[in-house]
Amino acid sequence: MAETATKATEAVGTVQDKAKDVAGQAQDQAGQLVEKARGPVSNQVDQRSTALGEQVKSNADNVRSVAVLLEKEGSEAPAKLAQQAADRADKVGNWLAESDGDKILSDVEDFSRRNPWLLAAGALAVGFAASRALKASSSQRYASSSQRYAGSQSYAGSQSYASTESYPTRAVVS
């Protein structure tokens, strides 16, 4: 009996070791998959952020030009605000253009960890704006499709949707 208990204990130990090995392998594979997925995302973020950074810097230069014109016209306060906005936009543009994808993703992750409520509020605002845009485009699509189909399509080739003909009715007998 003691011999059976010893064999059972050894079997349990072997199974536990194999389970640990399998769990370790699964964890390694999951880590590799995460790194594989992060690579293309990081490359996309890097390419798009560089282009966006250049565009933001170009817009900052345009706002600076407006600030100079406002200053020449004697509008000091708006000129100062436009100059400050241009300076901040230029800083953002430089950061976007010079940061690689990993740095941007890391900064976004850090920001979202430090400010989870701000991130949630931003996501809510973006979701609301997207829903309003979809609703607006939906009504425009509906209006254009109903204009397109009114009177031009026929149902089963017999009557037009916009037809004024009446359909036969059944008399109800009580």
N, C-alpha and C. Protein backbone atom coordinates (compact mmCIF):
# COMPACT_ATOMS: atom_id res chain seq x y z
N MET A 1 0.82 -1.18 0.00
CA MET A 1 0.00 0.00 0.00
C MET A 1 0.86 1.25 0.00
N ALA A 2 1.94 1.27 0.77
CA ALA A 2 2.85 2.40 0.82
C ALA A 2 3.51 2.60 -0.53
N GLU A 3 3.74 1.46 -1.20
CA GLU A 3 4.36 1.53 -2.52
C GLU A 3 3.41 2.20 -3.53
N THR A 4 2.13 1.91 -3.44
CA THR A 4 1.12 2.51 -4.33
C THR A 4 1.01 4.01 -4.06
N ALA A 5 1.07 4.39 -2.80
CA ALA A 5 0.99 5.80 -2.44
C ALA A 5 2.21 6.54 -2.96
N THR A 6 3.38 5.92 -2.91
CA THR A 6 4.60 6.54 -3.41
C THR A 6 4.51 6.73 -4.92
N LYS A 7 4.01 5.71 -5.63
CA LYS A 7 3.87 5.81 -7.08
C LYS A 7 2.85 6.89 -7.45
N ALA A 8 1.77 6.96 -6.68
CA ALA A 8 0.76 7.99 -6.94
C ALA A 8 1.34 9.38 -6.71
N THR A 9 2.14 9.55 -5.67
CA THR A 9 2.77 10.83 -5.37
C THR A 9 3.73 11.21 -6.50
N GLU A 10 4.49 10.23 -6.99
CA GLU A 10 5.41 10.49 -8.09
C GLU A 10 4.64 10.87 -9.36
N ALA A 11 3.53 10.18 -9.60
CA ALA A 11 2.72 10.48 -10.78
C ALA A 11 2.15 11.89 -10.70
N VAL A 12 1.68 12.27 -9.52
CA VAL A 12 1.13 13.61 -9.33
C VAL A 12 2.23 14.65 -9.55
N GLY A 13 3.42 14.38 -9.02
CA GLY A 13 4.55 15.29 -9.22
C GLY A 13 4.92 15.42 -10.69
N THR A 14 4.90 14.31 -11.41
CA THR A 14 5.20 14.33 -12.85
C THR A 14 4.15 15.14 -13.61
N VAL A 15 2.89 14.92 -13.27
CA VAL A 15 1.81 15.65 -13.93
C VAL A 15 1.92 17.15 -13.64
N GLN A 16 2.24 17.48 -12.40
CA GLN A 16 2.39 18.89 -12.05
C GLN A 16 3.55 19.53 -12.82
N ASP A 17 4.66 18.79 -12.94
CA ASP A 17 5.81 19.32 -13.68
C ASP A 17 5.45 19.54 -15.15
N LYS A 18 4.75 18.57 -15.73
CA LYS A 18 4.35 18.70 -17.14
C LYS A 18 3.38 19.87 -17.30
N ALA A 19 2.45 20.03 -16.34
CA ALA A 19 1.50 21.15 -16.41
C ALA A 19 2.24 22.48 -16.33
N LYS A 20 3.25 22.55 -15.46
CA LYS A 20 4.04 23.78 -15.37
C LYS A 20 4.78 24.05 -16.67
N ASP A 21 5.32 22.99 -17.29
CA ASP A 21 6.02 23.16 -18.56
C ASP A 21 5.08 23.65 -19.65
N VAL A 22 3.89 23.05 -19.72
CA VAL A 22 2.90 23.45 -20.73
C VAL A 22 2.47 24.89 -20.48
N ALA A 23 2.23 25.25 -19.22
CA ALA A 23 1.83 26.62 -18.90
C ALA A 23 2.94 27.60 -19.27
N GLY A 24 4.18 27.24 -19.02
CA GLY A 24 5.31 28.10 -19.38
C GLY A 24 5.41 28.28 -20.89
N GLN A 25 5.22 27.18 -21.63
CA GLN A 25 5.26 27.26 -23.08
C GLN A 25 4.13 28.14 -23.61
N ALA A 26 2.93 27.98 -23.04
CA ALA A 26 1.79 28.79 -23.46
C ALA A 26 2.06 30.27 -23.19
N GLN A 27 2.65 30.56 -22.04
CA GLN A 27 2.96 31.94 -21.69
C GLN A 27 4.01 32.51 -22.65
N ASP A 28 5.02 31.72 -22.99
CA ASP A 28 6.03 32.16 -23.95
C ASP A 28 5.41 32.44 -25.31
N GLN A 29 4.55 31.54 -25.76
CA GLN A 29 3.90 31.72 -27.06
C GLN A 29 3.00 32.95 -27.05
N ALA A 30 2.29 33.19 -25.95
CA ALA A 30 1.43 34.38 -25.86
C ALA A 30 2.29 35.64 -25.92
N GLY A 31 3.42 35.63 -25.23
CA GLY A 31 4.33 36.77 -25.28
C GLY A 31 4.86 37.03 -26.68
N GLN A 32 5.18 35.94 -27.39
CA GLN A 32 5.66 36.08 -28.77
C GLN A 32 4.56 36.64 -29.67
N LEU A 33 3.33 36.19 -29.47
CA LEU A 33 2.22 36.70 -30.28
C LEU A 33 1.99 38.19 -30.02
N VAL A 34 2.10 38.59 -28.76
CA VAL A 34 1.93 40.00 -28.42
C VAL A 34 3.01 40.83 -29.11
N GLU A 35 4.24 40.35 -29.06
CA GLU A 35 5.33 41.08 -29.70
C GLU A 35 5.16 41.12 -31.21
N LYS A 36 4.67 40.00 -31.79
CA LYS A 36 4.42 39.95 -33.23
C LYS A 36 3.36 40.96 -33.63
N ALA A 37 2.30 41.05 -32.82
CA ALA A 37 1.22 41.99 -33.12
C ALA A 37 1.66 43.42 -32.88
N ARG A 38 2.48 43.63 -31.88
CA ARG A 38 2.91 44.99 -31.54
C ARG A 38 3.80 45.57 -32.64
N GLY A 39 4.58 44.74 -33.30
CA GLY A 39 5.48 45.22 -34.35
C GLY A 39 4.76 45.96 -35.47
N PRO A 40 3.79 45.31 -36.14
CA PRO A 40 3.08 46.02 -37.22
C PRO A 40 2.31 47.24 -36.72
N VAL A 41 1.72 47.14 -35.54
CA VAL A 41 0.98 48.29 -34.99
C VAL A 41 1.95 49.45 -34.75
N SER A 42 3.10 49.12 -34.20
CA SER A 42 4.09 50.15 -33.93
C SER A 42 4.57 50.80 -35.24
N ASN A 43 4.78 49.98 -36.27
CA ASN A 43 5.21 50.53 -37.56
C ASN A 43 4.14 51.45 -38.15
N GLN A 44 2.88 51.04 -38.07
CA GLN A 44 1.79 51.87 -38.59
C GLN A 44 1.71 53.20 -37.82
N VAL A 45 1.80 53.09 -36.50
CA VAL A 45 1.74 54.31 -35.67
C VAL A 45 2.91 55.22 -36.02
N ASP A 46 4.08 54.65 -36.22
CA ASP A 46 5.27 55.44 -36.56
C ASP A 46 5.09 56.18 -37.87
N GLN A 47 4.62 55.47 -38.90
CA GLN A 47 4.44 56.10 -40.21
C GLN A 47 3.37 57.19 -40.17
N ARG A 48 2.26 56.87 -39.58
CA ARG A 48 1.16 57.83 -39.56
C ARG A 48 1.45 59.02 -38.66
N SER A 49 2.15 58.78 -37.56
CA SER A 49 2.46 59.89 -36.66
C SER A 49 3.45 60.85 -37.29
N THR A 50 4.38 60.32 -38.07
CA THR A 50 5.33 61.20 -38.75
C THR A 50 4.60 62.09 -39.75
N ALA A 51 3.71 61.50 -40.53
CA ALA A 51 2.94 62.29 -41.50
C ALA A 51 2.05 63.30 -40.79
N LEU A 52 1.38 62.87 -39.73
CA LEU A 52 0.51 63.77 -38.98
C LEU A 52 1.33 64.89 -38.34
N GLY A 53 2.50 64.56 -37.81
CA GLY A 53 3.37 65.58 -37.21
C GLY A 53 3.76 66.65 -38.21
N GLU A 54 4.09 66.25 -39.42
CA GLU A 54 4.44 67.22 -40.46
C GLU A 54 3.23 68.11 -40.81
N GLN A 55 2.06 67.50 -40.85
CA GLN A 55 0.85 68.26 -41.15
C GLN A 55 0.54 69.26 -40.03
N VAL A 56 0.70 68.82 -38.79
CA VAL A 56 0.44 69.71 -37.64
C VAL A 56 1.42 70.87 -37.66
N LYS A 57 2.69 70.59 -37.95
CA LYS A 57 3.68 71.67 -38.01
C LYS A 57 3.37 72.65 -39.13
N SER A 58 2.89 72.15 -40.26
CA SER A 58 2.50 73.03 -41.36
C SER A 58 1.33 73.93 -40.95
N ASN A 59 0.35 73.34 -40.25
CA ASN A 59 -0.79 74.14 -39.76
C ASN A 59 -0.34 75.16 -38.72
N ALA A 60 0.65 74.79 -37.90
CA ALA A 60 1.17 75.74 -36.91
C ALA A 60 1.82 76.93 -37.61
N ASP A 61 2.51 76.67 -38.71
CA ASP A 61 3.10 77.78 -39.48
C ASP A 61 2.02 78.69 -40.05
N ASN A 62 0.92 78.09 -40.50
CA ASN A 62 -0.19 78.89 -41.02
C ASN A 62 -0.80 79.77 -39.92
N VAL A 63 -0.96 79.20 -38.74
CA VAL A 63 -1.52 79.97 -37.61
C VAL A 63 -0.56 81.09 -37.23
N ARG A 64 0.75 80.84 -37.32
CA ARG A 64 1.73 81.90 -37.05
C ARG A 64 1.58 83.04 -38.04
N SER A 65 1.34 82.70 -39.30
CA SER A 65 1.13 83.74 -40.32
C SER A 65 -0.09 84.58 -39.98
N VAL A 66 -1.14 83.92 -39.52
CA VAL A 66 -2.35 84.64 -39.11
C VAL A 66 -2.04 85.55 -37.92
N ALA A 67 -1.23 85.04 -36.99
CA ALA A 67 -0.86 85.85 -35.82
C ALA A 67 -0.10 87.11 -36.24
N VAL A 68 0.78 86.98 -37.22
CA VAL A 68 1.54 88.15 -37.70
C VAL A 68 0.59 89.16 -38.35
N LEU A 69 -0.37 88.66 -39.14
CA LEU A 69 -1.34 89.57 -39.77
C LEU A 69 -2.20 90.28 -38.72
N LEU A 70 -2.63 89.53 -37.71
CA LEU A 70 -3.43 90.14 -36.64
C LEU A 70 -2.63 91.21 -35.90
N GLU A 71 -1.35 90.93 -35.69
CA GLU A 71 -0.50 91.88 -34.98
C GLU A 71 -0.32 93.16 -35.82
N LYS A 72 -0.19 93.01 -37.14
CA LYS A 72 -0.04 94.17 -38.02
C LYS A 72 -1.31 95.02 -38.03
N GLU A 73 -2.48 94.34 -37.85
CA GLU A 73 -3.75 95.07 -37.83
C GLU A 73 -4.02 95.72 -36.48
N GLY A 74 -3.19 95.42 -35.49
CA GLY A 74 -3.35 96.02 -34.18
C GLY A 74 -4.17 95.19 -33.21
N SER A 75 -4.48 93.97 -33.57
CA SER A 75 -5.22 93.06 -32.66
C SER A 75 -4.22 92.25 -31.86
N GLU A 76 -3.75 92.85 -30.78
CA GLU A 76 -2.68 92.23 -29.99
C GLU A 76 -3.14 90.96 -29.27
N ALA A 77 -4.29 91.01 -28.62
CA ALA A 77 -4.73 89.86 -27.83
C ALA A 77 -4.98 88.62 -28.71
N PRO A 78 -5.75 88.74 -29.80
CA PRO A 78 -5.92 87.57 -30.66
C PRO A 78 -4.60 87.09 -31.29
N ALA A 79 -3.72 88.04 -31.61
CA ALA A 79 -2.42 87.67 -32.18
C ALA A 79 -1.61 86.86 -31.18
N LYS A 80 -1.65 87.27 -29.91
CA LYS A 80 -0.91 86.55 -28.88
C LYS A 80 -1.49 85.14 -28.69
N LEU A 81 -2.82 85.02 -28.69
CA LEU A 81 -3.45 83.71 -28.56
C LEU A 81 -3.11 82.81 -29.74
N ALA A 82 -3.13 83.38 -30.94
CA ALA A 82 -2.80 82.59 -32.13
C ALA A 82 -1.34 82.14 -32.08
N GLN A 83 -0.46 83.01 -31.61
CA GLN A 83 0.97 82.64 -31.50
C GLN A 83 1.16 81.53 -30.48
N GLN A 84 0.47 81.61 -29.34
CA GLN A 84 0.57 80.55 -28.33
C GLN A 84 0.04 79.21 -28.87
N ALA A 85 -1.08 79.28 -29.59
CA ALA A 85 -1.63 78.06 -30.18
C ALA A 85 -0.66 77.47 -31.20
N ALA A 86 -0.03 78.32 -31.98
CA ALA A 86 0.94 77.86 -32.97
C ALA A 86 2.15 77.22 -32.30
N ASP A 87 2.61 77.82 -31.20
CA ASP A 87 3.75 77.25 -30.47
C ASP A 87 3.42 75.87 -29.92
N ARG A 88 2.24 75.73 -29.33
CA ARG A 88 1.84 74.43 -28.78
C ARG A 88 1.65 73.40 -29.89
N ALA A 89 1.04 73.82 -30.98
CA ALA A 89 0.85 72.90 -32.11
C ALA A 89 2.20 72.47 -32.69
N ASP A 90 3.14 73.39 -32.72
CA ASP A 90 4.48 73.07 -33.22
C ASP A 90 5.16 72.03 -32.32
N LYS A 91 5.00 72.18 -30.99
CA LYS A 91 5.57 71.20 -30.06
C LYS A 91 4.96 69.82 -30.28
N VAL A 92 3.64 69.78 -30.44
CA VAL A 92 2.95 68.50 -30.68
C VAL A 92 3.41 67.91 -32.00
N GLY A 93 3.52 68.75 -33.02
CA GLY A 93 3.97 68.28 -34.33
C GLY A 93 5.37 67.70 -34.28
N ASN A 94 6.26 68.39 -33.57
CA ASN A 94 7.63 67.88 -33.42
C ASN A 94 7.64 66.55 -32.68
N TRP A 95 6.85 66.45 -31.61
CA TRP A 95 6.79 65.20 -30.85
C TRP A 95 6.28 64.07 -31.73
N LEU A 96 5.21 64.33 -32.50
CA LEU A 96 4.66 63.29 -33.38
C LEU A 96 5.66 62.88 -34.46
N ALA A 97 6.34 63.86 -35.04
CA ALA A 97 7.27 63.57 -36.14
C ALA A 97 8.53 62.85 -35.65
N GLU A 98 8.98 63.18 -34.45
CA GLU A 98 10.25 62.64 -33.98
C GLU A 98 10.10 61.36 -33.15
N SER A 99 8.95 61.10 -32.59
CA SER A 99 8.76 59.91 -31.76
C SER A 99 8.49 58.70 -32.65
N ASP A 100 9.07 57.57 -32.24
CA ASP A 100 8.78 56.35 -32.98
C ASP A 100 7.51 55.72 -32.42
N GLY A 101 7.00 54.70 -33.10
CA GLY A 101 5.74 54.06 -32.72
C GLY A 101 5.76 53.51 -31.30
N ASP A 102 6.88 52.89 -30.90
CA ASP A 102 6.97 52.33 -29.54
C ASP A 102 6.88 53.43 -28.49
N LYS A 103 7.53 54.54 -28.74
CA LYS A 103 7.50 55.66 -27.78
C LYS A 103 6.09 56.23 -27.65
N ILE A 104 5.40 56.39 -28.78
CA ILE A 104 4.05 56.93 -28.76
C ILE A 104 3.11 55.98 -28.03
N LEU A 105 3.18 54.68 -28.36
CA LEU A 105 2.33 53.70 -27.68
C LEU A 105 2.62 53.66 -26.19
N SER A 106 3.89 53.75 -25.83
CA SER A 106 4.26 53.76 -24.41
C SER A 106 3.71 55.00 -23.71
N ASP A 107 3.84 56.16 -24.36
CA ASP A 107 3.32 57.40 -23.77
C ASP A 107 1.80 57.35 -23.60
N VAL A 108 1.11 56.81 -24.60
CA VAL A 108 -0.36 56.70 -24.52
C VAL A 108 -0.75 55.74 -23.40
N GLU A 109 -0.03 54.61 -23.29
CA GLU A 109 -0.32 53.67 -22.20
C GLU A 109 -0.09 54.31 -20.84
N ASP A 110 1.02 55.03 -20.70
CA ASP A 110 1.32 55.70 -19.43
C ASP A 110 0.26 56.74 -19.09
N PHE A 111 -0.13 57.53 -20.08
CA PHE A 111 -1.16 58.55 -19.86
C PHE A 111 -2.47 57.90 -19.43
N SER A 112 -2.84 56.81 -20.10
CA SER A 112 -4.11 56.18 -19.77
C SER A 112 -4.07 55.53 -18.38
N ARG A 113 -2.90 55.10 -17.95
CA ARG A 113 -2.79 54.55 -16.59
C ARG A 113 -2.88 55.66 -15.54
N ARG A 114 -2.30 56.82 -15.85
CA ARG A 114 -2.33 57.93 -14.90
C ARG A 114 -3.69 58.62 -14.86
N ASN A 115 -4.41 58.63 -15.98
CA ASN A 115 -5.67 59.37 -16.10
C ASN A 115 -6.77 58.49 -16.68
N PRO A 116 -7.17 57.45 -15.98
CA PRO A 116 -8.18 56.55 -16.58
C PRO A 116 -9.52 57.23 -16.82
N TRP A 117 -9.91 58.15 -15.93
CA TRP A 117 -11.20 58.82 -16.10
C TRP A 117 -11.18 59.78 -17.28
N LEU A 118 -10.04 60.42 -17.48
CA LEU A 118 -9.91 61.31 -18.63
C LEU A 118 -9.95 60.51 -19.93
N LEU A 119 -9.32 59.35 -19.91
CA LEU A 119 -9.36 58.48 -21.08
C LEU A 119 -10.79 58.02 -21.35
N ALA A 120 -11.50 57.64 -20.30
CA ALA A 120 -12.89 57.20 -20.46
C ALA A 120 -13.76 58.35 -20.98
N ALA A 121 -13.55 59.55 -20.46
CA ALA A 121 -14.33 60.70 -20.93
C ALA A 121 -14.02 61.00 -22.40
N GLY A 122 -12.76 60.89 -22.77
CA GLY A 122 -12.39 61.10 -24.17
C GLY A 122 -13.01 60.05 -25.08
N ALA A 123 -13.00 58.80 -24.63
CA ALA A 123 -13.61 57.73 -25.42
C ALA A 123 -15.12 57.96 -25.56
N LEU A 124 -15.74 58.42 -24.48
CA LEU A 124 -17.17 58.72 -24.52
C LEU A 124 -17.46 59.85 -25.51
N ALA A 125 -16.64 60.89 -25.48
CA ALA A 125 -16.83 62.01 -26.40
C ALA A 125 -16.63 61.57 -27.86
N VAL A 126 -15.62 60.75 -28.11
CA VAL A 126 -15.38 60.27 -29.47
C VAL A 126 -16.54 59.38 -29.92
N GLY A 127 -17.03 58.53 -29.03
CA GLY A 127 -18.17 57.67 -29.36
C GLY A 127 -19.42 58.48 -29.66
N PHE A 128 -19.66 59.51 -28.87
CA PHE A 128 -20.82 60.37 -29.09
C PHE A 128 -20.70 61.08 -30.44
N ALA A 129 -19.52 61.61 -30.73
CA ALA A 129 -19.31 62.31 -32.00
C ALA A 129 -19.49 61.34 -33.18
N ALA A 130 -18.98 60.13 -33.03
CA ALA A 130 -19.13 59.14 -34.10
C ALA A 130 -20.59 58.77 -34.31
N SER A 131 -21.34 58.63 -33.22
CA SER A 131 -22.76 58.28 -33.36
C SER A 131 -23.54 59.40 -34.03
N ARG A 132 -23.21 60.64 -33.70
CA ARG A 132 -23.89 61.78 -34.33
C ARG A 132 -23.55 61.84 -35.82
N ALA A 133 -22.29 61.59 -36.15
CA ALA A 133 -21.89 61.60 -37.56
C ALA A 133 -22.60 60.50 -38.33
N LEU A 134 -22.68 59.32 -37.74
CA LEU A 134 -23.38 58.21 -38.40
C LEU A 134 -24.86 58.51 -38.57
N LYS A 135 -25.46 59.11 -37.54
CA LYS A 135 -26.87 59.44 -37.64
C LYS A 135 -27.12 60.46 -38.74
N ALA A 136 -26.26 61.47 -38.81
CA ALA A 136 -26.41 62.50 -39.84
C ALA A 136 -26.23 61.90 -41.23
N SER A 137 -25.23 61.05 -41.39
CA SER A 137 -25.00 60.46 -42.71
C SER A 137 -26.11 59.46 -43.05
N SER A 138 -26.69 58.82 -42.03
CA SER A 138 -27.77 57.87 -42.27
C SER A 138 -28.99 58.58 -42.82
N SER A 139 -29.35 59.72 -42.26
CA SER A 139 -30.53 60.44 -42.76
C SER A 139 -30.28 60.97 -44.16
N GLN A 140 -29.05 61.37 -44.45
CA GLN A 140 -28.73 61.83 -45.81
C GLN A 140 -28.80 60.67 -46.80
N ARG A 141 -28.29 59.50 -46.40
CA ARG A 141 -28.37 58.33 -47.28
C ARG A 141 -29.81 57.93 -47.50
N TYR A 142 -30.63 57.97 -46.45
CA TYR A 142 -32.04 57.60 -46.57
C TYR A 142 -32.75 58.55 -47.53
N ALA A 143 -32.49 59.86 -47.38
CA ALA A 143 -33.15 60.84 -48.24
C ALA A 143 -32.75 60.64 -49.70
N SER A 144 -31.47 60.38 -49.94
CA SER A 144 -31.03 60.22 -51.32
C SER A 144 -31.54 58.90 -51.91
N SER A 145 -31.62 57.85 -51.09
CA SER A 145 -32.11 56.57 -51.62
C SER A 145 -33.62 56.62 -51.86
N SER A 146 -34.38 57.33 -51.04
CA SER A 146 -35.83 57.40 -51.26
C SER A 146 -36.14 58.26 -52.47
N GLN A 147 -35.31 59.27 -52.76
CA GLN A 147 -35.50 60.06 -53.97
C GLN A 147 -35.17 59.23 -55.20
N ARG A 148 -34.18 58.40 -55.08
CA ARG A 148 -33.75 57.59 -56.19
C ARG A 148 -34.78 56.52 -56.54
N TYR A 149 -35.42 55.94 -55.52
CA TYR A 149 -36.33 54.83 -55.74
C TYR A 149 -37.80 55.25 -55.92
N ALA A 150 -38.16 56.45 -55.59
CA ALA A 150 -39.57 56.87 -55.66
C ALA A 150 -40.04 56.85 -57.11
N GLY A 151 -40.95 55.93 -57.40
CA GLY A 151 -41.55 55.87 -58.71
C GLY A 151 -40.70 55.21 -59.77
N SER A 152 -39.47 54.83 -59.47
CA SER A 152 -38.62 54.27 -60.50
C SER A 152 -38.53 52.75 -60.44
N GLN A 153 -38.84 52.16 -59.33
CA GLN A 153 -38.76 50.71 -59.16
C GLN A 153 -40.17 50.13 -59.16
N SER A 154 -40.27 48.91 -59.57
CA SER A 154 -41.57 48.26 -59.50
C SER A 154 -41.48 47.03 -58.64
N TYR A 155 -42.55 46.71 -58.01
CA TYR A 155 -42.62 45.54 -57.13
C TYR A 155 -43.07 44.36 -57.96
N ALA A 156 -42.24 43.37 -58.09
CA ALA A 156 -42.52 42.15 -58.83
C ALA A 156 -42.94 42.47 -60.26
N GLY A 157 -42.45 43.57 -60.77
CA GLY A 157 -42.69 43.92 -62.15
C GLY A 157 -44.11 44.33 -62.47
N SER A 158 -44.98 44.50 -61.47
CA SER A 158 -46.37 44.77 -61.79
C SER A 158 -46.80 46.18 -61.42
N GLN A 159 -46.45 46.65 -60.25
CA GLN A 159 -46.90 47.97 -59.83
C GLN A 159 -45.74 48.77 -59.29
N SER A 160 -45.82 50.06 -59.47
CA SER A 160 -44.79 50.96 -58.99
C SER A 160 -44.98 51.22 -57.51
N TYR A 161 -43.86 51.53 -56.79
CA TYR A 161 -43.96 51.88 -55.38
C TYR A 161 -44.79 53.14 -55.18
N ALA A 162 -44.72 54.02 -56.14
CA ALA A 162 -45.41 55.29 -56.00
C ALA A 162 -46.78 55.24 -56.65
N SER A 163 -47.27 54.08 -56.89
CA SER A 163 -48.54 53.92 -57.58
C SER A 163 -49.70 54.39 -56.70
N THR A 164 -50.72 54.92 -57.38
CA THR A 164 -51.91 55.38 -56.65
C THR A 164 -53.06 54.40 -56.83
N GLU A 165 -52.82 53.28 -57.52
CA GLU A 165 -53.89 52.30 -57.72
C GLU A 165 -54.27 51.68 -56.39
N SER A 166 -55.54 51.32 -56.28
CA SER A 166 -55.97 50.68 -55.04
C SER A 166 -55.90 49.17 -55.21
N TYR A 167 -55.77 48.50 -54.13
CA TYR A 167 -55.68 47.05 -54.12
C TYR A 167 -57.04 46.49 -53.76
N PRO A 168 -57.36 45.28 -54.26
CA PRO A 168 -58.64 44.67 -53.92
C PRO A 168 -58.71 44.41 -52.42
N THR A 169 -59.89 44.60 -51.87
CA THR A 169 -60.08 44.37 -50.44
C THR A 169 -61.13 43.27 -50.25
N ARG A 170 -61.03 42.61 -49.12
CA ARG A 170 -62.01 41.58 -48.80
C ARG A 170 -63.07 42.18 -47.90
N ALA A 171 -64.27 41.77 -48.13
CA ALA A 171 -65.36 42.21 -47.28
C ALA A 171 -65.39 41.34 -46.05
N VAL A 172 -65.56 41.95 -44.91
CA VAL A 172 -65.62 41.20 -43.66
C VAL A 172 -67.07 40.93 -43.37
N VAL A 173 -67.40 39.65 -43.22
CA VAL A 173 -68.79 39.26 -42.96
C VAL A 173 -68.89 38.93 -41.48
N SER A 174 -69.88 39.51 -40.82
CA SER A 174 -70.05 39.25 -39.40
C SER A 174 -71.11 38.22 -39.16
